[in-house]
PDB file of N, CA and C in Angstrom:
ATOM      1  N   MET A   1      64.657 124.840  83.285  1.00  0.00           N
ATOM      2  CA  MET A   1      64.318 125.406  84.542  1.00  0.00           C
ATOM      3  C   MET A   1      62.997 126.287  84.332  1.00  0.00           C
ATOM      4  N   CYS A   2      62.274 125.994  85.366  1.00  0.00           N
ATOM      5  CA  CYS A   2      60.852 126.643  85.155  1.00  0.00           C
ATOM      6  C   CYS A   2      60.516 127.651  86.239  1.00  0.00           C
ATOM      7  N   LEU A   3      59.705 128.600  85.883  1.00  0.00           N
ATOM      8  CA  LEU A   3      59.534 129.734  86.507  1.00  0.00           C
ATOM      9  C   LEU A   3      58.054 129.764  87.349  1.00  0.00           C
ATOM     10  N   GLY A   4      57.993 130.097  88.445  1.00  0.00           N
ATOM     11  CA  GLY A   4      56.624 130.304  89.018  1.00  0.00           C
ATOM     12  C   GLY A   4      56.127 131.571  88.940  1.00  0.00           C
ATOM     13  N   ILE A   5      55.136 132.091  88.234  1.00  0.00           N
ATOM     14  CA  ILE A   5      54.688 133.060  87.992  1.00  0.00           C
ATOM     15  C   ILE A   5      53.510 133.764  88.839  1.00  0.00           C
ATOM     16  N   PRO A   6      53.467 134.860  89.406  1.00  0.00           N
ATOM     17  CA  PRO A   6      52.360 135.244  90.282  1.00  0.00           C
ATOM     18  C   PRO A   6      51.209 135.725  89.270  1.00  0.00           C
ATOM     19  N   VAL A   7      50.095 135.429  89.731  1.00  0.00           N
ATOM     20  CA  VAL A   7      48.733 135.328  89.015  1.00  0.00           C
ATOM     21  C   VAL A   7      47.709 135.770  89.715  1.00  0.00           C
ATOM     22  N   LYS A   8      46.717 136.565  89.373  1.00  0.00           N
ATOM     23  CA  LYS A   8      45.595 136.918  90.290  1.00  0.00           C
ATOM     24  C   LYS A   8      44.510 135.850  90.004  1.00  0.00           C
ATOM     25  N   VAL A   9      43.901 135.398  91.102  1.00  0.00           N
ATOM     26  CA  VAL A   9      42.906 134.676  90.930  1.00  0.00           C
ATOM     27  C   VAL A   9      41.554 135.483  90.818  1.00  0.00           C
ATOM     28  N   LYS A  10      40.575 135.151  89.514  1.00  0.00           N
ATOM     29  CA  LYS A  10      39.590 135.763  89.256  1.00  0.00           C
ATOM     30  C   LYS A  10      38.276 134.952  89.412  1.00  0.00           C
ATOM     31  N   GLU A  11      38.309 133.741  89.464  1.00  0.00           N
ATOM     32  CA  GLU A  11      37.213 132.788  89.928  1.00  0.00           C
ATOM     33  C   GLU A  11      37.545 131.461  90.229  1.00  0.00           C
ATOM     34  N   ILE A  12      36.959 131.026  91.231  1.00  0.00           N
ATOM     35  CA  ILE A  12      37.131 129.600  91.660  1.00  0.00           C
ATOM     36  C   ILE A  12      35.820 128.711  91.549  1.00  0.00           C
ATOM     37  N   ASN A  13      36.259 127.555  91.058  1.00  0.00           N
ATOM     38  CA  ASN A  13      35.306 126.755  91.053  1.00  0.00           C
ATOM     39  C   ASN A  13      35.713 125.224  91.289  1.00  0.00           C
ATOM     40  N   GLY A  14      35.388 124.791  92.556  1.00  0.00           N
ATOM     41  CA  GLY A  14      35.902 123.613  93.053  1.00  0.00           C
ATOM     42  C   GLY A  14      37.417 123.717  93.420  1.00  0.00           C
ATOM     43  N   GLN A  15      37.966 122.616  92.926  1.00  0.00           N
ATOM     44  CA  GLN A  15      39.447 122.519  92.798  1.00  0.00           C
ATOM     45  C   GLN A  15      40.213 123.294  91.728  1.00  0.00           C
ATOM     46  N   GLU A  16      39.610 124.131  91.073  1.00  0.00           N
ATOM     47  CA  GLU A  16      40.184 124.996  90.121  1.00  0.00           C
ATOM     48  C   GLU A  16      39.849 126.323  89.944  1.00  0.00           C
ATOM     49  N   ALA A  17      40.794 127.114  89.682  1.00  0.00           N
ATOM     50  CA  ALA A  17      40.652 128.529  89.662  1.00  0.00           C
ATOM     51  C   ALA A  17      40.953 129.178  88.335  1.00  0.00           C
ATOM     52  N   LEU A  18      40.294 129.958  87.806  1.00  0.00           N
ATOM     53  CA  LEU A  18      40.679 130.924  86.717  1.00  0.00           C
ATOM     54  C   LEU A  18      41.669 132.150  87.026  1.00  0.00           C
ATOM     55  N   VAL A  19      42.909 132.092  86.531  1.00  0.00           N
ATOM     56  CA  VAL A  19      43.739 132.983  86.951  1.00  0.00           C
ATOM     57  C   VAL A  19      44.188 134.073  85.693  1.00  0.00           C
ATOM     58  N   GLU A  20      44.739 135.141  86.252  1.00  0.00           N
ATOM     59  CA  GLU A  20      45.010 136.244  85.059  1.00  0.00           C
ATOM     60  C   GLU A  20      46.196 136.835  85.448  1.00  0.00           C
ATOM     61  N   VAL A  21      47.145 137.213  84.305  1.00  0.00           N
ATOM     62  CA  VAL A  21      48.200 138.100  84.329  1.00  0.00           C
ATOM     63  C   VAL A  21      48.684 138.754  82.995  1.00  0.00           C
ATOM     64  N   GLY A  22      48.799 139.696  82.783  1.00  0.00           N
ATOM     65  CA  GLY A  22      49.024 140.475  81.570  1.00  0.00           C
ATOM     66  C   GLY A  22      48.000 140.066  80.562  1.00  0.00           C
ATOM     67  N   GLY A  23      46.725 140.136  80.865  1.00  0.00           N
ATOM     68  CA  GLY A  23      45.772 139.865  79.862  1.00  0.00           C
ATOM     69  C   GLY A  23      45.440 138.236  79.559  1.00  0.00           C
ATOM     70  N   LEU A  24      46.488 137.347  80.139  1.00  0.00           N
ATOM     71  CA  LEU A  24      46.535 136.185  79.672  1.00  0.00           C
ATOM     72  C   LEU A  24      45.592 135.251  80.803  1.00  0.00           C
ATOM     73  N   LYS A  25      44.810 134.572  80.440  1.00  0.00           N
ATOM     74  CA  LYS A  25      43.900 133.697  81.513  1.00  0.00           C
ATOM     75  C   LYS A  25      44.137 132.037  81.344  1.00  0.00           C
ATOM     76  N   GLN A  26      43.936 131.587  82.322  1.00  0.00           N
ATOM     77  CA  GLN A  26      44.596 130.080  82.419  1.00  0.00           C
ATOM     78  C   GLN A  26      43.706 129.620  83.626  1.00  0.00           C
ATOM     79  N   THR A  27      43.126 128.163  83.581  1.00  0.00           N
ATOM     80  CA  THR A  27      42.779 127.557  84.488  1.00  0.00           C
ATOM     81  C   THR A  27      43.710 126.863  85.342  1.00  0.00           C
ATOM     82  N   VAL A  28      43.959 126.660  86.656  1.00  0.00           N
ATOM     83  CA  VAL A  28      44.820 126.037  87.247  1.00  0.00           C
ATOM     84  C   VAL A  28      44.288 125.388  88.631  1.00  0.00           C
ATOM     85  N   ARG A  29      44.894 124.325  88.899  1.00  0.00           N
ATOM     86  CA  ARG A  29      44.535 123.524  90.285  1.00  0.00           C
ATOM     87  C   ARG A  29      44.827 124.210  91.232  1.00  0.00           C
ATOM     88  N   ILE A  30      44.051 124.270  92.409  1.00  0.00           N
ATOM     89  CA  ILE A  30      44.439 124.779  93.721  1.00  0.00           C
ATOM     90  C   ILE A  30      44.368 124.121  95.019  1.00  0.00           C
ATOM     91  N   ASP A  31      44.620 122.675  94.528  1.00  0.00           N
ATOM     92  CA  ASP A  31      44.665 121.576  95.854  1.00  0.00           C
ATOM     93  C   ASP A  31      45.499 121.798  96.830  1.00  0.00           C
ATOM     94  N   PHE A  32      46.746 122.692  96.495  1.00  0.00           N
ATOM     95  CA  PHE A  32      47.858 122.882  97.375  1.00  0.00           C
ATOM     96  C   PHE A  32      47.688 124.092  98.145  1.00  0.00           C
ATOM     97  N   VAL A  33      46.642 124.863  97.902  1.00  0.00           N
ATOM     98  CA  VAL A  33      46.233 126.447  98.457  1.00  0.00           C
ATOM     99  C   VAL A  33      44.646 126.274  98.778  1.00  0.00           C
ATOM    100  N   PRO A  34      43.992 125.491  99.480  1.00  0.00           N
ATOM    101  CA  PRO A  34      42.779 125.389  99.749  1.00  0.00           C
ATOM    102  C   PRO A  34      42.352 126.802 100.236  1.00  0.00           C
ATOM    103  N   GLU A  35      43.047 127.474 100.879  1.00  0.00           N
ATOM    104  CA  GLU A  35      42.362 128.758 101.692  1.00  0.00           C
ATOM    105  C   GLU A  35      42.346 129.864 100.470  1.00  0.00           C
ATOM    106  N   VAL A  36      42.822 129.657  99.510  1.00  0.00           N
ATOM    107  CA  VAL A  36      42.605 130.629  98.333  1.00  0.00           C
ATOM    108  C   VAL A  36      41.650 131.548  98.238  1.00  0.00           C
ATOM    109  N   LYS A  37      41.330 132.873  97.865  1.00  0.00           N
ATOM    110  CA  LYS A  37      40.075 133.490  97.564  1.00  0.00           C
ATOM    111  C   LYS A  37      40.266 134.028  96.310  1.00  0.00           C
ATOM    112  N   THR A  38      39.276 134.419  95.831  1.00  0.00           N
ATOM    113  CA  THR A  38      39.000 135.324  94.657  1.00  0.00           C
ATOM    114  C   THR A  38      39.807 136.743  94.850  1.00  0.00           C
ATOM    115  N   GLY A  39      40.553 137.161  94.123  1.00  0.00           N
ATOM    116  CA  GLY A  39      41.323 138.536  94.510  1.00  0.00           C
ATOM    117  C   GLY A  39      42.826 138.268  94.931  1.00  0.00           C
ATOM    118  N   ASP A  40      43.132 136.953  95.478  1.00  0.00           N
ATOM    119  CA  ASP A  40      44.380 136.635  95.962  1.00  0.00           C
ATOM    120  C   ASP A  40      45.094 136.736  94.768  1.00  0.00           C
ATOM    121  N   PHE A  41      46.562 136.721  95.005  1.00  0.00           N
ATOM    122  CA  PHE A  41      47.592 136.352  94.127  1.00  0.00           C
ATOM    123  C   PHE A  41      48.293 134.961  94.450  1.00  0.00           C
ATOM    124  N   VAL A  42      48.456 134.445  93.530  1.00  0.00           N
ATOM    125  CA  VAL A  42      49.355 132.847  93.927  1.00  0.00           C
ATOM    126  C   VAL A  42      50.364 132.871  92.845  1.00  0.00           C
ATOM    127  N   ILE A  43      51.272 131.700  93.236  1.00  0.00           N
ATOM    128  CA  ILE A  43      52.344 131.443  92.393  1.00  0.00           C
ATOM    129  C   ILE A  43      51.892 130.129  91.758  1.00  0.00           C
ATOM    130  N   VAL A  44      51.942 130.289  90.298  1.00  0.00           N
ATOM    131  CA  VAL A  44      51.660 128.910  89.567  1.00  0.00           C
ATOM    132  C   VAL A  44      52.825 128.384  89.203  1.00  0.00           C
ATOM    133  N   HIS A  45      52.850 127.009  89.152  1.00  0.00           N
ATOM    134  CA  HIS A  45      54.056 126.300  88.760  1.00  0.00           C
ATOM    135  C   HIS A  45      53.388 124.990  88.343  1.00  0.00           C
ATOM    136  N   ALA A  46      53.495 124.602  86.958  1.00  0.00           N
ATOM    137  CA  ALA A  46      53.243 123.394  86.330  1.00  0.00           C
ATOM    138  C   ALA A  46      51.826 123.156  86.301  1.00  0.00           C
ATOM    139  N   GLY A  47      50.957 124.395  86.367  1.00  0.00           N
ATOM    140  CA  GLY A  47      49.467 124.158  86.380  1.00  0.00           C
ATOM    141  C   GLY A  47      48.634 124.228  87.755  1.00  0.00           C
ATOM    142  N   PHE A  48      49.549 124.323  88.677  1.00  0.00           N
ATOM    143  CA  PHE A  48      49.255 124.235  90.146  1.00  0.00           C
ATOM    144  C   PHE A  48      49.479 125.555  90.755  1.00  0.00           C
ATOM    145  N   ALA A  49      48.475 126.066  91.449  1.00  0.00           N
ATOM    146  CA  ALA A  49      48.943 127.211  92.480  1.00  0.00           C
ATOM    147  C   ALA A  49      49.558 126.650  93.746  1.00  0.00           C
ATOM    148  N   ILE A  50      50.622 127.155  94.167  1.00  0.00           N
ATOM    149  CA  ILE A  50      51.454 126.442  95.098  1.00  0.00           C
ATOM    150  C   ILE A  50      51.778 127.407  96.253  1.00  0.00           C
ATOM    151  N   SER A  51      51.530 128.699  95.921  1.00  0.00           N
ATOM    152  CA  SER A  51      51.481 129.443  97.287  1.00  0.00           C
ATOM    153  C   SER A  51      50.765 130.908  96.963  1.00  0.00           C
ATOM    154  N   ILE A  52      50.338 131.443  98.264  1.00  0.00           N
ATOM    155  CA  ILE A  52      49.626 132.749  98.037  1.00  0.00           C
ATOM    156  C   ILE A  52      50.630 133.867  98.403  1.00  0.00           C
ATOM    157  N   LEU A  53      50.799 135.087  97.815  1.00  0.00           N
ATOM    158  CA  LEU A  53      51.295 136.220  97.950  1.00  0.00           C
ATOM    159  C   LEU A  53      50.388 137.417  97.969  1.00  0.00           C
ATOM    160  N   ASN A  54      50.972 138.250  98.937  1.00  0.00           N
ATOM    161  CA  ASN A  54      50.322 139.316  98.860  1.00  0.00           C
ATOM    162  C   ASN A  54      50.488 140.317  97.672  1.00  0.00           C
ATOM    163  N   GLU A  55      49.653 141.275  97.463  1.00  0.00           N
ATOM    164  CA  GLU A  55      49.790 141.974  96.122  1.00  0.00           C
ATOM    165  C   GLU A  55      51.051 142.660  95.900  1.00  0.00           C
ATOM    166  N   GLU A  56      51.573 143.227  97.080  1.00  0.00           N
ATOM    167  CA  GLU A  56      52.896 143.929  96.870  1.00  0.00           C
ATOM    168  C   GLU A  56      54.016 142.938  96.526  1.00  0.00           C
ATOM    169  N   GLU A  57      53.921 141.777  96.984  1.00  0.00           N
ATOM    170  CA  GLU A  57      54.993 140.746  96.780  1.00  0.00           C
ATOM    171  C   GLU A  57      54.854 140.453  95.304  1.00  0.00           C
ATOM    172  N   ALA A  58      53.628 140.320  94.693  1.00  0.00           N
ATOM    173  CA  ALA A  58      53.465 139.919  93.299  1.00  0.00           C
ATOM    174  C   ALA A  58      53.535 140.824  92.361  1.00  0.00           C
ATOM    175  N   GLU A  59      53.365 142.001  92.661  1.00  0.00           N
ATOM    176  CA  GLU A  59      53.554 143.001  91.844  1.00  0.00           C
ATOM    177  C   GLU A  59      55.199 143.549  91.624  1.00  0.00           C
ATOM    178  N   GLU A  60      55.987 143.102  92.841  1.00  0.00           N
ATOM    179  CA  GLU A  60      57.481 143.618  92.846  1.00  0.00           C
ATOM    180  C   GLU A  60      57.936 142.177  91.939  1.00  0.00           C
ATOM    181  N   THR A  61      57.477 141.029  92.103  1.00  0.00           N
ATOM    182  CA  THR A  61      58.098 139.937  91.448  1.00  0.00           C
ATOM    183  C   THR A  61      57.662 140.182  89.763  1.00  0.00           C
ATOM    184  N   LEU A  62      56.382 140.553  89.560  1.00  0.00           N
ATOM    185  CA  LEU A  62      56.123 140.784  88.394  1.00  0.00           C
ATOM    186  C   LEU A  62      57.192 141.749  87.528  1.00  0.00           C
ATOM    187  N   LYS A  63      57.241 143.069  88.163  1.00  0.00           N
ATOM    188  CA  LYS A  63      58.124 144.132  87.815  1.00  0.00           C
ATOM    189  C   LYS A  63      59.414 143.538  87.350  1.00  0.00           C
ATOM    190  N   LEU A  64      60.289 142.533  88.421  1.00  0.00           N
ATOM    191  CA  LEU A  64      61.501 142.280  88.326  1.00  0.00           C
ATOM    192  C   LEU A  64      61.507 141.338  86.975  1.00  0.00           C
ATOM    193  N   LEU A  65      60.353 140.436  86.819  1.00  0.00           N
ATOM    194  CA  LEU A  65      60.457 139.645  85.503  1.00  0.00           C
ATOM    195  C   LEU A  65      60.484 140.418  84.276  1.00  0.00           C
ATOM    196  N   ARG A  66      59.676 141.283  84.368  1.00  0.00           N
ATOM    197  CA  ARG A  66      59.682 142.277  83.139  1.00  0.00           C
ATOM    198  C   ARG A  66      60.948 143.118  82.987  1.00  0.00           C
ATOM    199  N   GLU A  67      61.662 143.411  83.984  1.00  0.00           N
ATOM    200  CA  GLU A  67      62.984 144.317  83.876  1.00  0.00           C
ATOM    201  C   GLU A  67      64.089 143.167  83.192  1.00  0.00           C
ATOM    202  N   ALA A  68      63.967 141.851  83.624  1.00  0.00           N
ATOM    203  CA  ALA A  68      64.906 140.902  83.069  1.00  0.00           C
ATOM    204  C   ALA A  68      64.269 140.436  81.816  1.00  0.00           C
ATOM    205  N   GLU A  69      63.461 140.962  81.106  1.00  0.00           N
ATOM    206  CA  GLU A  69      62.811 140.689  80.004  1.00  0.00           C
ATOM    207  C   GLU A  69      62.368 139.017  79.881  1.00  0.00           C
ATOM    208  N   VAL A  70      62.046 138.566  81.038  1.00  0.00           N
ATOM    209  CA  VAL A  70      61.527 137.172  81.101  1.00  0.00           C
ATOM    210  C   VAL A  70      60.070 136.883  80.707  1.00  0.00           C
ATOM    211  N   PHE A  71      59.447 137.975  81.176  1.00  0.00           N
ATOM    212  CA  PHE A  71      57.754 138.127  81.116  1.00  0.00           C
ATOM    213  C   PHE A  71      57.319 139.434  80.600  1.00  0.00           C
ATOM    214  N   PRO A  72      56.527 139.386  79.685  1.00  0.00           N
ATOM    215  CA  PRO A  72      56.009 140.623  78.755  1.00  0.00           C
ATOM    216  C   PRO A  72      55.208 141.713  79.920  1.00  0.00           C
TER     217      PRO A  72
END
């Protein structure tokens, strides 16, 4: 089973974005969400941003993952 984790987009460079969550940064592909902007929250799965979330949805999801001790 894989989890899609909400992350915040910090920078965009072509079809890649630098994202961050919990102090961890990673580069992901944004081919599936071409409308994404810096500051947006996205769900990442297998190195690809697959959908855009609003900040409230992202924070609630991260809170639930922390409560379930799935994510630090």
